[in-house]
Amino acid sequence: ADAAPPHRRRTRAFLDWETEGAALDPAWARLRD
């Protein structure tokens, strides 16, 4: 129940790759999700 839906997991995985794991603004990350 607490796992992110597949589309959010894919988006986060892409952002982790693209940003090389850089910390993102939490509000922006929530909006992106």
PDB file of all heavy atoms in Angstrom:
ATOM      1  N   ALA A   1       0.816  -1.224   0.000  1.00  0.00           N
ATOM      2  CA  ALA A   1       0.000   0.000   0.000  1.00  0.00           C
ATOM      3  C   ALA A   1       0.839   1.259   0.000  1.00  0.00           C
ATOM      4  O   ALA A   1       0.443   2.274  -0.568  1.00  0.00           O
ATOM      5  CB  ALA A   1      -0.940  -0.014   1.199  1.00  0.00           C
ATOM      6  N   ASP A   2       2.023   1.222   0.610  1.00  0.00           N
ATOM      7  CA  ASP A   2       2.840   2.431   0.686  1.00  0.00           C
ATOM      8  C   ASP A   2       3.841   2.544  -0.456  1.00  0.00           C
ATOM      9  O   ASP A   2       4.638   3.470  -0.508  1.00  0.00           O
ATOM     10  CB  ASP A   2       3.570   2.509   2.036  1.00  0.00           C
ATOM     11  CG  ASP A   2       4.514   1.340   2.245  1.00  0.00           C
ATOM     12  OD1 ASP A   2       4.391   0.326   1.527  1.00  0.00           O
ATOM     13  OD2 ASP A   2       5.380   1.453   3.141  1.00  0.00           O
ATOM     14  N   ALA A   3       3.830   1.614  -1.408  1.00  0.00           N
ATOM     15  CA  ALA A   3       4.762   1.654  -2.535  1.00  0.00           C
ATOM     16  C   ALA A   3       4.269   2.642  -3.585  1.00  0.00           C
ATOM     17  O   ALA A   3       3.071   2.817  -3.794  1.00  0.00           O
ATOM     18  CB  ALA A   3       4.893   0.265  -3.160  1.00  0.00           C
ATOM     19  N   ALA A   4       5.217   3.285  -4.237  1.00  0.00           N
ATOM     20  CA  ALA A   4       4.861   4.238  -5.286  1.00  0.00           C
ATOM     21  C   ALA A   4       4.328   3.488  -6.506  1.00  0.00           C
ATOM     22  O   ALA A   4       4.798   2.396  -6.817  1.00  0.00           O
ATOM     23  CB  ALA A   4       6.088   5.048  -5.681  1.00  0.00           C
ATOM     24  N   PRO A   5       3.326   4.057  -7.189  1.00  0.00           N
ATOM     25  CA  PRO A   5       2.829   3.432  -8.417  1.00  0.00           C
ATOM     26  C   PRO A   5       3.953   3.319  -9.453  1.00  0.00           C
ATOM     27  O   PRO A   5       4.930   4.051  -9.387  1.00  0.00           O
ATOM     28  CB  PRO A   5       1.748   4.399  -8.894  1.00  0.00           C
ATOM     29  CG  PRO A   5       1.370   5.196  -7.694  1.00  0.00           C
ATOM     30  CD  PRO A   5       2.608   5.267  -6.845  1.00  0.00           C
ATOM     31  N   PRO A   6       3.813   2.391 -10.420  1.00  0.00           N
ATOM     32  CA  PRO A   6       4.886   2.172 -11.396  1.00  0.00           C
ATOM     33  C   PRO A   6       5.333   3.444 -12.122  1.00  0.00           C
ATOM     34  O   PRO A   6       6.515   3.654 -12.330  1.00  0.00           O
ATOM     35  CB  PRO A   6       4.292   1.162 -12.376  1.00  0.00           C
ATOM     36  CG  PRO A   6       3.182   0.513 -11.642  1.00  0.00           C
ATOM     37  CD  PRO A   6       2.684   1.507 -10.651  1.00  0.00           C
ATOM     38  N   HIS A   7       4.384   4.311 -12.504  1.00  0.00           N
ATOM     39  CA  HIS A   7       4.772   5.512 -13.246  1.00  0.00           C
ATOM     40  C   HIS A   7       5.630   6.429 -12.384  1.00  0.00           C
ATOM     41  O   HIS A   7       6.543   7.073 -12.875  1.00  0.00           O
ATOM     42  CB  HIS A   7       3.547   6.248 -13.792  1.00  0.00           C
ATOM     43  CG  HIS A   7       2.506   6.534 -12.763  1.00  0.00           C
ATOM     44  ND1 HIS A   7       1.525   5.616 -12.441  1.00  0.00           N
ATOM     45  CD2 HIS A   7       2.291   7.601 -11.961  1.00  0.00           C
ATOM     46  CE1 HIS A   7       0.757   6.112 -11.486  1.00  0.00           C
ATOM     47  NE2 HIS A   7       1.195   7.304 -11.173  1.00  0.00           N
ATOM     48  N   ARG A   8       5.360   6.491 -11.088  1.00  0.00           N
ATOM     49  CA  ARG A   8       6.180   7.312 -10.185  1.00  0.00           C
ATOM     50  C   ARG A   8       7.551   6.684  -9.995  1.00  0.00           C
ATOM     51  O   ARG A   8       8.553   7.386  -9.951  1.00  0.00           O
ATOM     52  CB  ARG A   8       5.480   7.508  -8.854  1.00  0.00           C
ATOM     53  CG  ARG A   8       4.294   8.436  -8.967  1.00  0.00           C
ATOM     54  CD  ARG A   8       3.685   8.715  -7.616  1.00  0.00           C
ATOM     55  NE  ARG A   8       2.509   9.553  -7.790  1.00  0.00           N
ATOM     56  CZ  ARG A   8       1.574   9.690  -6.883  1.00  0.00           C
ATOM     57  NH1 ARG A   8       1.670   9.067  -5.721  1.00  0.00           N
ATOM     58  NH2 ARG A   8       0.532  10.460  -7.113  1.00  0.00           N
ATOM     59  N   ARG A   9       7.589   5.371  -9.879  1.00  0.00           N
ATOM     60  CA  ARG A   9       8.887   4.693  -9.720  1.00  0.00           C
ATOM     61  C   ARG A   9       9.758   4.936 -10.953  1.00  0.00           C
ATOM     62  O   ARG A   9      10.951   5.199 -10.830  1.00  0.00           O
ATOM     63  CB  ARG A   9       8.694   3.198  -9.483  1.00  0.00           C
ATOM     64  CG  ARG A   9       8.203   2.860  -8.088  1.00  0.00           C
ATOM     65  CD  ARG A   9       8.372   1.381  -7.779  1.00  0.00           C
ATOM     66  NE  ARG A   9       7.811   0.490  -8.776  1.00  0.00           N
ATOM     67  CZ  ARG A   9       6.577   0.007  -8.747  1.00  0.00           C
ATOM     68  NH1 ARG A   9       5.753   0.341  -7.780  1.00  0.00           N
ATOM     69  NH2 ARG A   9       6.167  -0.811  -9.684  1.00  0.00           N
ATOM     70  N   ARG A  10       9.158   4.847 -12.147  1.00  0.00           N
ATOM     71  CA  ARG A  10       9.932   5.078 -13.368  1.00  0.00           C
ATOM     72  C   ARG A  10      10.440   6.510 -13.424  1.00  0.00           C
ATOM     73  O   ARG A  10      11.585   6.756 -13.791  1.00  0.00           O
ATOM     74  CB  ARG A  10       9.084   4.759 -14.605  1.00  0.00           C
ATOM     75  CG  ARG A  10       8.898   3.280 -14.833  1.00  0.00           C
ATOM     76  CD  ARG A  10       8.304   2.996 -16.203  1.00  0.00           C
ATOM     77  NE  ARG A  10       7.034   3.648 -16.430  1.00  0.00           N
ATOM     78  CZ  ARG A  10       5.843   3.129 -16.168  1.00  0.00           C
ATOM     79  NH1 ARG A  10       5.751   1.927 -15.653  1.00  0.00           N
ATOM     80  NH2 ARG A  10       4.736   3.785 -16.425  1.00  0.00           N
ATOM     81  N   THR A  11       9.583   7.472 -13.066  1.00  0.00           N
ATOM     82  CA  THR A  11       9.983   8.875 -13.081  1.00  0.00           C
ATOM     83  C   THR A  11      11.115   9.120 -12.086  1.00  0.00           C
ATOM     84  O   THR A  11      12.104   9.774 -12.407  1.00  0.00           O
ATOM     85  CB  THR A  11       8.783   9.782 -12.741  1.00  0.00           C
ATOM     86  OG1 THR A  11       7.793   9.595 -13.742  1.00  0.00           O
ATOM     87  CG2 THR A  11       9.176  11.242 -12.708  1.00  0.00           C
ATOM     88  N   ARG A  12      10.964   8.563 -10.893  1.00  0.00           N
ATOM     89  CA  ARG A  12      12.021   8.747  -9.882  1.00  0.00           C
ATOM     90  C   ARG A  12      13.318   8.090 -10.320  1.00  0.00           C
ATOM     91  O   ARG A  12      14.405   8.627 -10.109  1.00  0.00           O
ATOM     92  CB  ARG A  12      11.569   8.186  -8.538  1.00  0.00           C
ATOM     93  CG  ARG A  12      10.516   9.037  -7.879  1.00  0.00           C
ATOM     94  CD  ARG A  12      10.071   8.420  -6.590  1.00  0.00           C
ATOM     95  NE  ARG A  12       8.922   9.130  -6.041  1.00  0.00           N
ATOM     96  CZ  ARG A  12       8.188   8.672  -5.050  1.00  0.00           C
ATOM     97  NH1 ARG A  12       8.478   7.521  -4.486  1.00  0.00           N
ATOM     98  NH2 ARG A  12       7.169   9.368  -4.618  1.00  0.00           N
ATOM     99  N   ALA A  13      13.233   6.902 -10.917  1.00  0.00           N
ATOM    100  CA  ALA A  13      14.441   6.218 -11.384  1.00  0.00           C
ATOM    101  C   ALA A  13      15.139   7.060 -12.455  1.00  0.00           C
ATOM    102  O   ALA A  13      16.367   7.194 -12.460  1.00  0.00           O
ATOM    103  CB  ALA A  13      14.094   4.836 -11.929  1.00  0.00           C
ATOM    104  N   PHE A  14      14.356   7.626 -13.375  1.00  0.00           N
ATOM    105  CA  PHE A  14      14.943   8.490 -14.401  1.00  0.00           C
ATOM    106  C   PHE A  14      15.600   9.712 -13.773  1.00  0.00           C
ATOM    107  O   PHE A  14      16.729  10.071 -14.111  1.00  0.00           O
ATOM    108  CB  PHE A  14      13.885   8.934 -15.419  1.00  0.00           C
ATOM    109  CG  PHE A  14      14.402   9.978 -16.354  1.00  0.00           C
ATOM    110  CD1 PHE A  14      15.272   9.639 -17.380  1.00  0.00           C
ATOM    111  CD2 PHE A  14      14.059  11.308 -16.192  1.00  0.00           C
ATOM    112  CE1 PHE A  14      15.783  10.601 -18.237  1.00  0.00           C
ATOM    113  CE2 PHE A  14      14.561  12.277 -17.045  1.00  0.00           C
ATOM    114  CZ  PHE A  14      15.427  11.923 -18.071  1.00  0.00           C
ATOM    115  N   LEU A  15      14.908  10.360 -12.834  1.00  0.00           N
ATOM    116  CA  LEU A  15      15.475  11.551 -12.192  1.00  0.00           C
ATOM    117  C   LEU A  15      16.732  11.207 -11.399  1.00  0.00           C
ATOM    118  O   LEU A  15      17.700  11.976 -11.404  1.00  0.00           O
ATOM    119  CB  LEU A  15      14.444  12.221 -11.289  1.00  0.00           C
ATOM    120  CG  LEU A  15      13.288  12.899 -12.011  1.00  0.00           C
ATOM    121  CD1 LEU A  15      12.263  13.418 -11.007  1.00  0.00           C
ATOM    122  CD2 LEU A  15      13.780  14.027 -12.895  1.00  0.00           C
ATOM    123  N   ASP A  16      16.736  10.063 -10.731  1.00  0.00           N
ATOM    124  CA  ASP A  16      17.944   9.644 -10.011  1.00  0.00           C
ATOM    125  C   ASP A  16      19.109   9.456 -10.976  1.00  0.00           C
ATOM    126  O   ASP A  16      20.235   9.836 -10.689  1.00  0.00           O
ATOM    127  CB  ASP A  16      17.701   8.347  -9.232  1.00  0.00           C
ATOM    128  CG  ASP A  16      16.902   8.566  -7.961  1.00  0.00           C
ATOM    129  OD1 ASP A  16      16.798   9.729  -7.512  1.00  0.00           O
ATOM    130  OD2 ASP A  16      16.383   7.576  -7.418  1.00  0.00           O
ATOM    131  N   TRP A  17      18.826   8.851 -12.147  1.00  0.00           N
ATOM    132  CA  TRP A  17      19.872   8.670 -13.150  1.00  0.00           C
ATOM    133  C   TRP A  17      20.343  10.022 -13.674  1.00  0.00           C
ATOM    134  O   TRP A  17      21.530  10.308 -13.707  1.00  0.00           O
ATOM    135  CB  TRP A  17      19.348   7.815 -14.313  1.00  0.00           C
ATOM    136  CG  TRP A  17      20.285   7.823 -15.482  1.00  0.00           C
ATOM    137  CD1 TRP A  17      21.416   7.075 -15.633  1.00  0.00           C
ATOM    138  CD2 TRP A  17      20.188   8.640 -16.655  1.00  0.00           C
ATOM    139  NE1 TRP A  17      22.026   7.385 -16.827  1.00  0.00           N
ATOM    140  CE2 TRP A  17      21.294   8.340 -17.475  1.00  0.00           C
ATOM    141  CE3 TRP A  17      19.279   9.602 -17.094  1.00  0.00           C
ATOM    142  CZ2 TRP A  17      21.501   8.956 -18.701  1.00  0.00           C
ATOM    143  CZ3 TRP A  17      19.494  10.219 -18.313  1.00  0.00           C
ATOM    144  CH2 TRP A  17      20.598   9.893 -19.112  1.00  0.00           C
ATOM    145  N   GLU A  18      19.403  10.866 -14.077  1.00  0.00           N
ATOM    146  CA  GLU A  18      19.751  12.133 -14.717  1.00  0.00           C
ATOM    147  C   GLU A  18      20.457  13.076 -13.762  1.00  0.00           C
ATOM    148  O   GLU A  18      21.365  13.793 -14.151  1.00  0.00           O
ATOM    149  CB  GLU A  18      18.492  12.794 -15.282  1.00  0.00           C
ATOM    150  CG  GLU A  18      18.753  13.800 -16.374  1.00  0.00           C
ATOM    151  CD  GLU A  18      19.294  15.121 -15.866  1.00  0.00           C
ATOM    152  OE1 GLU A  18      18.872  15.568 -14.797  1.00  0.00           O
ATOM    153  OE2 GLU A  18      20.153  15.704 -16.537  1.00  0.00           O
ATOM    154  N   THR A  19      20.057  13.105 -12.514  1.00  0.00           N
ATOM    155  CA  THR A  19      20.645  14.045 -11.551  1.00  0.00           C
ATOM    156  C   THR A  19      21.819  13.436 -10.802  1.00  0.00           C
ATOM    157  O   THR A  19      22.400  14.081  -9.931  1.00  0.00           O
ATOM    158  CB  THR A  19      19.603  14.511 -10.521  1.00  0.00           C
ATOM    159  OG1 THR A  19      19.169  13.386  -9.762  1.00  0.00           O
ATOM    160  CG2 THR A  19      18.421  15.193 -11.182  1.00  0.00           C
ATOM    161  N   GLU A  20      22.149  12.184 -11.131  1.00  0.00           N
ATOM    162  CA  GLU A  20      23.217  11.465 -10.442  1.00  0.00           C
ATOM    163  C   GLU A  20      22.970  11.458  -8.935  1.00  0.00           C
ATOM    164  O   GLU A  20      23.873  11.618  -8.127  1.00  0.00           O
ATOM    165  CB  GLU A  20      24.582  12.062 -10.788  1.00  0.00           C
ATOM    166  CG  GLU A  20      24.901  11.921 -12.259  1.00  0.00           C
ATOM    167  CD  GLU A  20      26.193  12.598 -12.676  1.00  0.00           C
ATOM    168  OE1 GLU A  20      26.716  13.445 -11.935  1.00  0.00           O
ATOM    169  OE2 GLU A  20      26.684  12.252 -13.757  1.00  0.00           O
ATOM    170  N   GLY A  21      21.693  11.297  -8.562  1.00  0.00           N
ATOM    171  CA  GLY A  21      21.317  11.196  -7.164  1.00  0.00           C
ATOM    172  C   GLY A  21      21.299  12.504  -6.396  1.00  0.00           C
ATOM    173  O   GLY A  21      21.198  12.497  -5.176  1.00  0.00           O
ATOM    174  N   ALA A  22      21.369  13.637  -7.088  1.00  0.00           N
ATOM    175  CA  ALA A  22      21.352  14.941  -6.400  1.00  0.00           C
ATOM    176  C   ALA A  22      20.036  15.117  -5.655  1.00  0.00           C
ATOM    177  O   ALA A  22      18.988  14.641  -6.089  1.00  0.00           O
ATOM    178  CB  ALA A  22      21.524  16.077  -7.412  1.00  0.00           C
ATOM    179  N   ALA A  23      20.118  15.803  -4.537  1.00  0.00           N
ATOM    180  CA  ALA A  23      18.899  16.093  -3.774  1.00  0.00           C
ATOM    181  C   ALA A  23      18.028  17.052  -4.573  1.00  0.00           C
ATOM    182  O   ALA A  23      18.525  18.025  -5.139  1.00  0.00           O
ATOM    183  CB  ALA A  23      19.266  16.709  -2.425  1.00  0.00           C
ATOM    184  N   LEU A  24      16.750  16.770  -4.631  1.00  0.00           N
ATOM    185  CA  LEU A  24      15.805  17.626  -5.347  1.00  0.00           C
ATOM    186  C   LEU A  24      14.949  18.367  -4.336  1.00  0.00           C
ATOM    187  O   LEU A  24      14.713  17.889  -3.229  1.00  0.00           O
ATOM    188  CB  LEU A  24      14.915  16.787  -6.264  1.00  0.00           C
ATOM    189  CG  LEU A  24      15.635  15.992  -7.345  1.00  0.00           C
ATOM    190  CD1 LEU A  24      14.632  15.113  -8.086  1.00  0.00           C
ATOM    191  CD2 LEU A  24      16.341  16.916  -8.313  1.00  0.00           C
ATOM    192  N   ASP A  25      14.464  19.517  -4.734  1.00  0.00           N
ATOM    193  CA  ASP A  25      13.544  20.271  -3.900  1.00  0.00           C
ATOM    194  C   ASP A  25      12.348  19.361  -3.610  1.00  0.00           C
ATOM    195  O   ASP A  25      11.697  18.870  -4.540  1.00  0.00           O
ATOM    196  CB  ASP A  25      13.116  21.525  -4.666  1.00  0.00           C
ATOM    197  CG  ASP A  25      12.124  22.384  -3.916  1.00  0.00           C
ATOM    198  OD1 ASP A  25      11.326  21.846  -3.130  1.00  0.00           O
ATOM    199  OD2 ASP A  25      12.142  23.601  -4.127  1.00  0.00           O
ATOM    200  N   PRO A  26      12.040  19.104  -2.342  1.00  0.00           N
ATOM    201  CA  PRO A  26      10.942  18.183  -2.020  1.00  0.00           C
ATOM    202  C   PRO A  26       9.598  18.598  -2.610  1.00  0.00           C
ATOM    203  O   PRO A  26       8.829  17.756  -3.060  1.00  0.00           O
ATOM    204  CB  PRO A  26      10.887  18.203  -0.490  1.00  0.00           C
ATOM    205  CG  PRO A  26      12.234  18.685  -0.054  1.00  0.00           C
ATOM    206  CD  PRO A  26      12.722  19.601  -1.150  1.00  0.00           C
ATOM    207  N   ALA A  27       9.306  19.892  -2.650  1.00  0.00           N
ATOM    208  CA  ALA A  27       8.032  20.349  -3.221  1.00  0.00           C
ATOM    209  C   ALA A  27       7.999  20.060  -4.720  1.00  0.00           C
ATOM    210  O   ALA A  27       6.983  19.633  -5.269  1.00  0.00           O
ATOM    211  CB  ALA A  27       7.824  21.833  -2.947  1.00  0.00           C
ATOM    212  N   TRP A  28       9.128  20.292  -5.414  1.00  0.00           N
ATOM    213  CA  TRP A  28       9.190  20.026  -6.853  1.00  0.00           C
ATOM    214  C   TRP A  28       9.059  18.531  -7.110  1.00  0.00           C
ATOM    215  O   TRP A  28       8.340  18.104  -8.012  1.00  0.00           O
ATOM    216  CB  TRP A  28      10.495  20.565  -7.451  1.00  0.00           C
ATOM    217  CG  TRP A  28      10.567  20.356  -8.920  1.00  0.00           C
ATOM    218  CD1 TRP A  28      10.108  21.195  -9.890  1.00  0.00           C
ATOM    219  CD2 TRP A  28      11.108  19.218  -9.607  1.00  0.00           C
ATOM    220  NE1 TRP A  28      10.329  20.641 -11.133  1.00  0.00           N
ATOM    221  CE2 TRP A  28      10.939  19.426 -10.979  1.00  0.00           C
ATOM    222  CE3 TRP A  28      11.713  18.044  -9.190  1.00  0.00           C
ATOM    223  CZ2 TRP A  28      11.357  18.526 -11.945  1.00  0.00           C
ATOM    224  CZ3 TRP A  28      12.127  17.126 -10.152  1.00  0.00           C
ATOM    225  CH2 TRP A  28      11.947  17.375 -11.509  1.00  0.00           C
ATOM    226  N   ALA A  29       9.737  17.718  -6.307  1.00  0.00           N
ATOM    227  CA  ALA A  29       9.673  16.267  -6.488  1.00  0.00           C
ATOM    228  C   ALA A  29       8.246  15.759  -6.277  1.00  0.00           C
ATOM    229  O   ALA A  29       7.778  14.894  -7.016  1.00  0.00           O
ATOM    230  CB  ALA A  29      10.641  15.581  -5.525  1.00  0.00           C
ATOM    231  N   ARG A  30       7.555  16.309  -5.286  1.00  0.00           N
ATOM    232  CA  ARG A  30       6.160  15.913  -5.026  1.00  0.00           C
ATOM    233  C   ARG A  30       5.275  16.315  -6.212  1.00  0.00           C
ATOM    234  O   ARG A  30       4.425  15.539  -6.660  1.00  0.00           O
ATOM    235  CB  ARG A  30       5.681  16.566  -3.731  1.00  0.00           C
ATOM    236  CG  ARG A  30       4.483  15.911  -3.125  1.00  0.00           C
ATOM    237  CD  ARG A  30       4.180  16.382  -1.703  1.00  0.00           C
ATOM    238  NE  ARG A  30       4.216  17.830  -1.522  1.00  0.00           N
ATOM    239  CZ  ARG A  30       5.190  18.507  -0.894  1.00  0.00           C
ATOM    240  NH1 ARG A  30       6.233  17.882  -0.392  1.00  0.00           N
ATOM    241  NH2 ARG A  30       5.134  19.816  -0.778  1.00  0.00           N
ATOM    242  N   LEU A  31       5.491  17.518  -6.750  1.00  0.00           N
ATOM    243  CA  LEU A  31       4.735  17.970  -7.921  1.00  0.00           C
ATOM    244  C   LEU A  31       5.014  17.060  -9.115  1.00  0.00           C
ATOM    245  O   LEU A  31       4.102  16.674  -9.847  1.00  0.00           O
ATOM    246  CB  LEU A  31       5.092  19.422  -8.254  1.00  0.00           C
ATOM    247  CG  LEU A  31       4.455  20.002  -9.511  1.00  0.00           C
ATOM    248  CD1 LEU A  31       2.938  20.070  -9.357  1.00  0.00           C
ATOM    249  CD2 LEU A  31       5.024  21.387  -9.806  1.00  0.00           C
ATOM    250  N   ARG A  32       6.266  16.677  -9.302  1.00  0.00           N
ATOM    251  CA  ARG A  32       6.638  15.802 -10.416  1.00  0.00           C
ATOM    252  C   ARG A  32       5.962  14.437 -10.246  1.00  0.00           C
ATOM    253  O   ARG A  32       5.488  13.848 -11.204  1.00  0.00           O
ATOM    254  CB  ARG A  32       8.165  15.656 -10.476  1.00  0.00           C
ATOM    255  CG  ARG A  32       8.666  14.835 -11.622  1.00  0.00           C
ATOM    256  CD  ARG A  32       8.319  15.502 -12.946  1.00  0.00           C
ATOM    257  NE  ARG A  32       8.483  14.553 -14.013  1.00  0.00           N
ATOM    258  CZ  ARG A  32       7.483  14.035 -14.719  1.00  0.00           C
ATOM    259  NH1 ARG A  32       6.254  14.401 -14.502  1.00  0.00           N
ATOM    260  NH2 ARG A  32       7.708  13.170 -15.664  1.00  0.00           N
ATOM    261  N   ASP A  33       5.921  13.927  -9.014  1.00  0.00           N
ATOM    262  CA  ASP A  33       5.236  12.658  -8.765  1.00  0.00           C
ATOM    263  C   ASP A  33       3.759  12.745  -9.149  1.00  0.00           C
ATOM    264  O   ASP A  33       3.212  11.842  -9.775  1.00  0.00           O
ATOM    265  CB  ASP A  33       5.332  12.265  -7.287  1.00  0.00           C
ATOM    266  CG  ASP A  33       6.681  11.682  -6.915  1.00  0.00           C
ATOM    267  OD1 ASP A  33       7.485  11.391  -7.823  1.00  0.00           O
ATOM    268  OD2 ASP A  33       6.917  11.518  -5.699  1.00  0.00           O
TER     269      ASP A  33
END
